[in-house]
């Protein structure tokens, strides 16, 4: 299946597409080579174009980034985004037994990589920085994609998929904060959004995985599952 067909089927028919993805032979290298490295480039390149050619601002004042600065941001953000995908996959895999699933790194990488499709595509809105917030709305659909993919790929009970998804989203949000903090080592402004100033000591991706797992273990999972069951009633 071509990349365009895969994207279309995921966005329009996720429940039918996940079993196909689960049955496909794959490894981390092939998932990255055929999908992740291409999709992750969309927000990075679009933000570069938007902030160097179009610019953003308010009250009639437009601000554009120097090309050299924007280029550094694009490269650093792109590489760190690739790392974050893998870190999240490690966490999804490690947490699977907690939710009655199986610890399978390749399956977890499929969930994170393909489940993030809508969020990656939402990066096209960065071509017009004033509309970049629409990319956040696109990311919400990725939450649904992950929700439908976890039971199929990680083999967790469907009734625990909602809680599992909440934990994954929390990890993703923290990972994005870490991404911005690490970016601040190289540039004055964080790579996320090209306009966010990050304050605080950054963590390396390996340490981030351990920190995120520790924070997740502190969540009241029983309460989350009880809330999910109540909502279904």
Protein backbone atom coordinates (compact mmCIF):
# COMPACT_ATOMS: atom_id res chain seq x y z
CA UNK A 1 0.00 0.00 0.00
CA UNK A 2 1.37 3.43 -0.98
CA UNK A 3 1.89 6.15 1.59
CA UNK A 4 -0.99 8.24 0.24
CA UNK A 5 -3.36 5.27 0.30
CA UNK A 6 -2.28 4.43 3.85
CA UNK A 7 -2.92 7.99 5.02
CA UNK A 8 -6.31 8.09 3.33
CA UNK A 9 -7.42 4.76 4.74
CA UNK A 10 -6.27 5.66 8.26
CA UNK A 11 -8.13 8.95 8.23
CA UNK A 12 -11.32 7.66 6.65
CA UNK A 13 -11.50 4.02 7.79
CA UNK A 14 -9.31 3.61 10.88
CA UNK A 15 -11.17 0.63 12.34
CA UNK A 16 -10.80 -1.30 9.10
CA UNK A 17 -7.19 -0.20 8.56
CA UNK A 18 -5.68 -1.12 11.93
CA UNK A 19 -6.09 -4.90 11.45
CA UNK A 20 -4.33 -4.56 8.10
CA UNK A 21 -1.47 -2.69 9.74
CA UNK A 22 -1.27 -5.27 12.53
CA UNK A 23 -0.90 -8.10 10.01
CA UNK A 24 1.85 -6.41 8.01
CA UNK A 25 5.41 -7.64 8.64
CA UNK A 26 7.52 -4.70 9.75
CA UNK A 27 10.39 -3.56 11.93
CA UNK A 28 11.41 -0.21 13.36
CA UNK A 29 13.65 0.61 10.39
CA UNK A 30 10.94 -0.02 7.78
CA UNK A 31 8.30 1.94 9.71
CA UNK A 32 10.61 4.92 9.95
CA UNK A 33 11.89 4.68 6.39
CA UNK A 34 8.50 4.27 4.70
CA UNK A 35 6.36 6.48 6.91
CA UNK A 36 7.75 8.39 9.89
CA UNK A 37 10.64 10.24 8.23
CA UNK A 38 8.24 11.53 5.56
CA UNK A 39 5.28 12.50 7.77
CA UNK A 40 7.42 14.15 10.47
CA UNK A 41 8.95 16.38 7.78
CA UNK A 42 5.57 18.00 7.04
CA UNK A 43 5.27 20.20 10.15
CA UNK A 44 9.00 20.95 10.18
CA UNK A 45 9.18 22.11 6.55
CA UNK A 46 5.85 23.96 6.64
CA UNK A 47 6.84 25.86 9.78
CA UNK A 48 10.16 26.78 8.16
CA UNK A 49 8.37 28.18 5.11
CA UNK A 50 5.70 29.91 7.16
CA UNK A 51 8.04 31.68 9.55
CA UNK A 52 10.59 32.75 6.94
CA UNK A 53 8.34 33.76 4.03
CA UNK A 54 4.96 34.60 5.57
CA UNK A 55 5.72 35.43 9.18
CA UNK A 56 3.42 35.98 12.10
CA UNK A 57 2.46 38.81 14.36
CA UNK A 58 -0.34 41.04 15.58
CA UNK A 59 -1.54 44.65 15.49
CA UNK A 60 -0.10 45.16 12.04
CA UNK A 61 3.40 44.05 13.01
CA UNK A 62 4.80 41.02 11.18
CA UNK A 63 7.75 39.04 12.48
CA UNK A 64 9.82 36.72 10.32
CA UNK A 65 12.66 34.49 11.41
CA UNK A 66 16.07 34.77 9.79
CA UNK A 67 16.58 31.86 7.41
CA UNK A 68 19.62 30.55 9.30
CA UNK A 69 17.71 30.51 12.62
CA UNK A 70 14.66 28.88 11.08
CA UNK A 71 16.83 26.27 9.37
CA UNK A 72 18.43 25.29 12.66
CA UNK A 73 15.00 25.10 14.28
CA UNK A 74 13.69 22.93 11.47
CA UNK A 75 16.57 20.45 11.63
CA UNK A 76 16.63 20.24 15.43
CA UNK A 77 12.86 19.95 15.66
CA UNK A 78 12.77 17.29 12.96
CA UNK A 79 15.43 15.11 14.57
CA UNK A 80 13.94 15.43 18.04
CA UNK A 81 10.48 14.60 16.69
CA UNK A 82 11.89 11.38 15.24
CA UNK A 83 13.33 10.57 18.66
CA UNK A 84 10.08 11.39 20.46
CA UNK A 85 8.15 8.94 18.27
CA UNK A 86 10.49 6.16 19.37
CA UNK A 87 10.42 7.21 23.04
CA UNK A 88 6.62 7.17 23.02
CA UNK A 89 6.65 3.74 21.40
CA UNK A 90 8.90 2.48 24.21
CA UNK A 91 6.45 3.82 26.78
CA UNK A 92 3.38 2.43 25.00
CA UNK A 93 5.03 -0.98 24.82
CA UNK A 94 6.18 -0.95 28.46
CA UNK A 95 2.73 0.09 29.72
CA UNK A 96 0.82 -2.50 27.70
CA UNK A 97 0.81 -5.22 30.41
CA UNK A 98 -0.66 -2.69 32.86
CA UNK A 99 -3.73 -2.51 30.64
CA UNK A 100 -3.95 -6.20 29.86
CA UNK A 101 -2.01 -5.97 26.62
CA UNK A 102 1.28 -7.35 25.34
CA UNK A 103 4.71 -5.76 25.45
CA UNK A 104 5.58 -5.46 21.76
CA UNK A 105 7.82 -2.60 20.63
CA UNK A 106 7.13 -2.94 16.90
CA UNK A 107 3.37 -2.96 17.49
CA UNK A 108 3.73 0.06 19.78
CA UNK A 109 5.75 1.88 17.13
CA UNK A 110 2.97 1.20 14.63
CA UNK A 111 0.42 2.69 17.03
CA UNK A 112 2.46 5.84 17.62
CA UNK A 113 3.64 6.32 14.04
CA UNK A 114 0.37 5.64 12.25
CA UNK A 115 -1.80 7.03 15.05
CA UNK A 116 -0.01 10.37 14.80
CA UNK A 117 -0.91 10.75 11.12
CA UNK A 118 -3.56 13.43 11.63
CA UNK A 119 -1.25 15.46 13.84
CA UNK A 120 1.57 15.27 11.32
CA UNK A 121 -0.71 16.37 8.48
CA UNK A 122 -2.01 19.21 10.63
CA UNK A 123 1.45 20.70 10.32
CA UNK A 124 0.47 22.10 6.91
CA UNK A 125 -1.36 24.90 8.73
CA UNK A 126 2.05 26.20 9.82
CA UNK A 127 2.44 27.53 6.28
CA UNK A 128 0.33 30.39 7.65
CA UNK A 129 1.54 30.89 11.24
CA UNK A 130 -1.69 32.69 12.15
CA UNK A 131 -3.54 29.43 11.42
CA UNK A 132 -1.06 27.07 13.08
CA UNK A 133 -3.50 26.55 15.97
CA UNK A 134 -5.63 24.51 13.57
CA UNK A 135 -2.88 21.91 13.66
CA UNK A 136 -3.79 21.34 17.30
CA UNK A 137 -7.35 20.55 16.28
CA UNK A 138 -6.03 18.00 13.78
CA UNK A 139 -4.08 16.39 16.61
CA UNK A 140 -7.33 15.62 18.41
CA UNK A 141 -8.21 13.20 15.64
CA UNK A 142 -4.91 11.44 16.27
CA UNK A 143 -6.18 10.74 19.79
CA UNK A 144 -9.09 8.87 18.24
CA UNK A 145 -6.76 7.00 15.89
CA UNK A 146 -4.64 5.85 18.83
CA UNK A 147 -7.77 4.88 20.76
CA UNK A 148 -8.93 2.63 17.94
CA UNK A 149 -5.45 1.23 17.34
CA UNK A 150 -4.43 0.21 20.87
CA UNK A 151 -6.83 -2.76 21.22
CA UNK A 152 -5.79 -4.11 17.83
CA UNK A 153 -2.02 -3.63 18.00
CA UNK A 154 -1.35 -3.92 21.74
CA UNK A 155 -4.18 -6.44 22.32
CA UNK A 156 -5.53 -4.69 25.36
CA UNK A 157 -9.19 -5.26 26.34
CA UNK A 158 -11.43 -2.71 24.56
CA UNK A 159 -12.83 -1.52 27.89
CA UNK A 160 -9.34 -0.42 28.93
CA UNK A 161 -8.50 1.33 25.67
CA UNK A 162 -9.87 4.66 26.86
CA UNK A 163 -7.71 4.79 29.97
CA UNK A 164 -4.70 3.53 28.01
CA UNK A 165 -5.24 6.32 25.49
CA UNK A 166 -5.43 8.98 28.21
CA UNK A 167 -2.09 7.83 29.61
CA UNK A 168 -0.50 7.82 26.14
CA UNK A 169 -1.75 11.37 25.49
CA UNK A 170 -0.33 12.55 28.81
CA UNK A 171 3.01 11.02 27.88
CA UNK A 172 2.88 12.68 24.47
CA UNK A 173 2.24 16.10 25.99
CA UNK A 174 5.14 15.72 28.40
CA UNK A 175 7.33 14.48 25.56
CA UNK A 176 6.53 17.61 23.55
CA UNK A 177 7.58 19.76 26.51
CA UNK A 178 10.83 17.80 26.67
CA UNK A 179 11.28 18.33 22.93
CA UNK A 180 10.95 22.08 23.37
CA UNK A 181 13.38 22.04 26.30
CA UNK A 182 16.01 20.09 24.38
CA UNK A 183 15.56 22.44 21.43
CA UNK A 184 16.39 25.34 23.73
CA UNK A 185 19.91 23.92 24.04
CA UNK A 186 20.53 24.77 20.40
CA UNK A 187 18.34 27.79 19.75
CA UNK A 188 16.88 30.67 21.72
CA UNK A 189 13.31 29.71 20.89
CA UNK A 190 11.83 26.24 21.25
CA UNK A 191 11.27 24.24 18.10
CA UNK A 192 7.64 23.54 18.96
CA UNK A 193 5.57 26.16 17.16
CA UNK A 194 8.73 28.20 16.39
CA UNK A 195 7.56 30.77 18.92
CA UNK A 196 7.51 29.11 22.30
CA UNK A 197 10.14 29.98 24.83
CA UNK A 198 10.93 27.03 27.06
CA UNK A 199 12.25 27.52 30.56
CA UNK A 200 13.77 24.73 32.59
CA UNK A 201 16.41 22.05 32.43
CA UNK A 202 15.98 19.74 29.45
CA UNK A 203 16.13 15.97 29.63
CA UNK A 204 17.66 13.62 27.11
CA UNK A 205 15.28 11.22 25.30
CA UNK A 206 16.48 8.16 27.23
CA UNK A 207 16.00 9.84 30.57
CA UNK A 208 12.69 11.23 29.38
CA UNK A 209 11.34 7.73 28.87
CA UNK A 210 12.14 6.76 32.45
CA UNK A 211 10.69 10.00 33.82
CA UNK A 212 7.47 9.62 31.82
CA UNK A 213 7.00 6.04 32.96
CA UNK A 214 7.48 7.12 36.56
CA UNK A 215 4.91 9.87 36.22
CA UNK A 216 2.42 7.54 34.54
CA UNK A 217 2.77 5.02 37.35
CA UNK A 218 1.66 7.77 39.71
CA UNK A 219 -1.64 8.24 37.90
CA UNK A 220 -4.76 6.86 39.50
CA UNK A 221 -5.50 4.32 36.77
CA UNK A 222 -8.30 2.69 38.73
CA UNK A 223 -10.12 6.00 38.93
CA UNK A 224 -9.61 6.62 35.21
CA UNK A 225 -11.04 3.22 34.34
CA UNK A 226 -14.00 3.76 36.68
CA UNK A 227 -14.67 7.10 35.00
CA UNK A 228 -14.55 5.44 31.57
CA UNK A 229 -17.05 2.75 32.63
CA UNK A 230 -19.38 5.38 34.07
CA UNK A 231 -19.23 7.42 30.85
CA UNK A 232 -20.18 4.34 28.78
CA UNK A 233 -23.30 3.89 30.91
